[in-house]
Amino acid sequence: MPTEDTRRVLKLFGIAVTDLEDALARAAPAEDLDRAEVEAAARLGEVAGLIDNLRRRVVQARTARPPE
């Protein structure tokens, strides 16, 4: 089951991507586009960190199990 942190990270990433899409669709000024792009990239980094953490947990889970 996803943790609250996972839900929060994914929600904020979705909002950031939607904000960037909206800024592009309304032909926002360059400053607004830059801000939205930076925010989306930052949130993508958080998602990547979340995935890296989950991968580490998979490795730990595999090594903690007795051989079959």
N, C-alpha and C. Protein backbone atom coordinates (compact mmCIF):
# COMPACT_ATOMS: atom_id res chain seq x y z
N MET A 1 0.84 -1.18 0.00
CA MET A 1 0.00 0.00 0.00
C MET A 1 0.89 1.25 0.00
N PRO A 2 0.59 2.23 -0.83
CA PRO A 2 1.43 3.43 -0.90
C PRO A 2 1.42 4.20 0.43
N THR A 3 2.56 4.79 0.72
CA THR A 3 2.63 5.62 1.92
C THR A 3 2.09 7.01 1.60
N GLU A 4 1.86 7.76 2.66
CA GLU A 4 1.40 9.14 2.47
C GLU A 4 2.46 9.96 1.72
N ASP A 5 3.74 9.67 1.98
CA ASP A 5 4.81 10.39 1.29
C ASP A 5 4.77 10.09 -0.21
N THR A 6 4.53 8.83 -0.57
CA THR A 6 4.42 8.47 -1.99
C THR A 6 3.27 9.21 -2.64
N ARG A 7 2.15 9.22 -1.99
CA ARG A 7 0.98 9.93 -2.53
C ARG A 7 1.27 11.43 -2.70
N ARG A 8 1.93 12.01 -1.70
CA ARG A 8 2.24 13.44 -1.74
C ARG A 8 3.18 13.76 -2.91
N VAL A 9 4.25 12.97 -3.05
CA VAL A 9 5.23 13.20 -4.12
C VAL A 9 4.57 13.09 -5.49
N LEU A 10 3.77 12.06 -5.68
CA LEU A 10 3.12 11.86 -6.98
C LEU A 10 2.08 12.94 -7.26
N LYS A 11 1.35 13.35 -6.25
CA LYS A 11 0.36 14.41 -6.43
C LYS A 11 1.04 15.71 -6.83
N LEU A 12 2.11 16.08 -6.13
CA LEU A 12 2.81 17.32 -6.44
C LEU A 12 3.46 17.27 -7.82
N PHE A 13 3.95 16.09 -8.21
CA PHE A 13 4.51 15.94 -9.55
C PHE A 13 3.42 16.16 -10.60
N GLY A 14 2.26 15.55 -10.39
CA GLY A 14 1.15 15.72 -11.33
C GLY A 14 0.71 17.16 -11.45
N ILE A 15 0.65 17.85 -10.33
CA ILE A 15 0.28 19.27 -10.35
C ILE A 15 1.32 20.08 -11.12
N ALA A 16 2.60 19.81 -10.88
CA ALA A 16 3.66 20.55 -11.56
C ALA A 16 3.62 20.33 -13.07
N VAL A 17 3.39 19.11 -13.49
CA VAL A 17 3.32 18.82 -14.93
C VAL A 17 2.10 19.50 -15.55
N THR A 18 0.98 19.44 -14.87
CA THR A 18 -0.23 20.10 -15.36
C THR A 18 -0.03 21.61 -15.45
N ASP A 19 0.62 22.19 -14.45
CA ASP A 19 0.90 23.63 -14.48
C ASP A 19 1.79 23.99 -15.67
N LEU A 20 2.77 23.15 -15.97
CA LEU A 20 3.64 23.40 -17.11
C LEU A 20 2.85 23.29 -18.42
N GLU A 21 2.03 22.27 -18.52
CA GLU A 21 1.18 22.14 -19.72
C GLU A 21 0.26 23.34 -19.88
N ASP A 22 -0.33 23.79 -18.80
CA ASP A 22 -1.22 24.95 -18.85
C ASP A 22 -0.46 26.20 -19.29
N ALA A 23 0.74 26.38 -18.75
CA ALA A 23 1.55 27.54 -19.13
C ALA A 23 1.87 27.51 -20.63
N LEU A 24 2.17 26.35 -21.14
CA LEU A 24 2.45 26.22 -22.57
C LEU A 24 1.19 26.50 -23.39
N ALA A 25 0.07 25.96 -22.96
CA ALA A 25 -1.18 26.11 -23.70
C ALA A 25 -1.65 27.56 -23.77
N ARG A 26 -1.37 28.32 -22.73
CA ARG A 26 -1.82 29.71 -22.74
C ARG A 26 -0.73 30.67 -23.21
N ALA A 27 0.35 30.10 -23.74
CA ALA A 27 1.48 30.91 -24.24
C ALA A 27 1.92 31.92 -23.18
N ALA A 28 2.19 31.40 -21.99
CA ALA A 28 2.60 32.23 -20.86
C ALA A 28 3.92 32.92 -21.15
N PRO A 29 4.18 34.01 -20.47
CA PRO A 29 5.47 34.69 -20.62
C PRO A 29 6.63 33.75 -20.28
N ALA A 30 7.79 34.04 -20.82
CA ALA A 30 8.97 33.18 -20.64
C ALA A 30 9.28 32.94 -19.17
N GLU A 31 9.12 33.95 -18.34
CA GLU A 31 9.41 33.81 -16.91
C GLU A 31 8.49 32.76 -16.27
N ASP A 32 7.22 32.77 -16.64
CA ASP A 32 6.27 31.79 -16.11
C ASP A 32 6.59 30.38 -16.61
N LEU A 33 6.96 30.28 -17.89
CA LEU A 33 7.35 28.98 -18.44
C LEU A 33 8.58 28.44 -17.73
N ASP A 34 9.56 29.31 -17.53
CA ASP A 34 10.78 28.88 -16.84
C ASP A 34 10.47 28.39 -15.44
N ARG A 35 9.64 29.14 -14.72
CA ARG A 35 9.28 28.76 -13.35
C ARG A 35 8.58 27.40 -13.34
N ALA A 36 7.64 27.22 -14.26
CA ALA A 36 6.90 25.96 -14.32
C ALA A 36 7.82 24.80 -14.70
N GLU A 37 8.75 25.06 -15.61
CA GLU A 37 9.67 24.01 -16.02
C GLU A 37 10.59 23.60 -14.88
N VAL A 38 11.10 24.57 -14.14
CA VAL A 38 11.97 24.29 -13.00
C VAL A 38 11.21 23.49 -11.94
N GLU A 39 9.98 23.87 -11.69
CA GLU A 39 9.17 23.16 -10.69
C GLU A 39 8.92 21.71 -11.13
N ALA A 40 8.58 21.51 -12.40
CA ALA A 40 8.33 20.15 -12.89
C ALA A 40 9.61 19.31 -12.81
N ALA A 41 10.74 19.90 -13.14
CA ALA A 41 12.01 19.17 -13.06
C ALA A 41 12.35 18.81 -11.62
N ALA A 42 12.09 19.73 -10.70
CA ALA A 42 12.35 19.45 -9.28
C ALA A 42 11.47 18.31 -8.79
N ARG A 43 10.21 18.34 -9.17
CA ARG A 43 9.29 17.28 -8.75
C ARG A 43 9.66 15.95 -9.38
N LEU A 44 10.15 15.99 -10.64
CA LEU A 44 10.60 14.76 -11.28
C LEU A 44 11.78 14.17 -10.51
N GLY A 45 12.65 15.02 -10.02
CA GLY A 45 13.76 14.55 -9.19
C GLY A 45 13.27 13.86 -7.93
N GLU A 46 12.20 14.38 -7.33
CA GLU A 46 11.63 13.74 -6.15
C GLU A 46 11.05 12.37 -6.50
N VAL A 47 10.40 12.28 -7.65
CA VAL A 47 9.84 10.99 -8.09
C VAL A 47 10.98 10.00 -8.33
N ALA A 48 12.05 10.45 -8.97
CA ALA A 48 13.20 9.58 -9.21
C ALA A 48 13.79 9.11 -7.89
N GLY A 49 13.87 9.99 -6.91
CA GLY A 49 14.37 9.61 -5.60
C GLY A 49 13.48 8.58 -4.94
N LEU A 50 12.19 8.75 -5.08
CA LEU A 50 11.23 7.79 -4.53
C LEU A 50 11.44 6.41 -5.18
N ILE A 51 11.60 6.39 -6.49
CA ILE A 51 11.81 5.12 -7.19
C ILE A 51 13.13 4.49 -6.77
N ASP A 52 14.19 5.30 -6.63
CA ASP A 52 15.48 4.76 -6.18
C ASP A 52 15.35 4.12 -4.80
N ASN A 53 14.61 4.77 -3.92
CA ASN A 53 14.39 4.23 -2.58
C ASN A 53 13.64 2.90 -2.65
N LEU A 54 12.63 2.83 -3.49
CA LEU A 54 11.88 1.58 -3.63
C LEU A 54 12.76 0.47 -4.20
N ARG A 55 13.63 0.82 -5.15
CA ARG A 55 14.55 -0.18 -5.70
C ARG A 55 15.50 -0.71 -4.63
N ARG A 56 15.99 0.17 -3.77
CA ARG A 56 16.86 -0.27 -2.67
C ARG A 56 16.11 -1.23 -1.76
N ARG A 57 14.86 -0.92 -1.51
CA ARG A 57 14.05 -1.79 -0.66
C ARG A 57 13.82 -3.16 -1.30
N VAL A 58 13.68 -3.19 -2.62
CA VAL A 58 13.53 -4.46 -3.33
C VAL A 58 14.80 -5.29 -3.15
N VAL A 59 15.95 -4.68 -3.33
CA VAL A 59 17.22 -5.39 -3.16
C VAL A 59 17.34 -5.91 -1.74
N GLN A 60 17.00 -5.08 -0.76
CA GLN A 60 17.06 -5.52 0.64
C GLN A 60 16.11 -6.68 0.89
N ALA A 61 14.92 -6.61 0.33
CA ALA A 61 13.93 -7.68 0.53
C ALA A 61 14.42 -8.98 -0.09
N ARG A 62 15.05 -8.86 -1.26
CA ARG A 62 15.55 -10.08 -1.92
C ARG A 62 16.69 -10.71 -1.13
N THR A 63 17.57 -9.90 -0.60
CA THR A 63 18.72 -10.45 0.12
C THR A 63 18.33 -10.95 1.51
N ALA A 64 17.22 -10.47 2.05
CA ALA A 64 16.78 -10.90 3.38
C ALA A 64 16.06 -12.25 3.34
N ARG A 65 15.61 -12.67 2.18
CA ARG A 65 14.90 -13.94 2.06
C ARG A 65 15.89 -15.11 2.01
N PRO A 66 15.50 -16.21 2.63
CA PRO A 66 16.36 -17.40 2.51
C PRO A 66 16.31 -17.95 1.07
N PRO A 67 17.38 -18.55 0.61
CA PRO A 67 17.36 -19.11 -0.76
C PRO A 67 16.26 -20.16 -0.93
N GLU A 68 15.70 -20.20 -2.10
CA GLU A 68 14.62 -21.15 -2.38
C GLU A 68 15.16 -22.46 -2.87
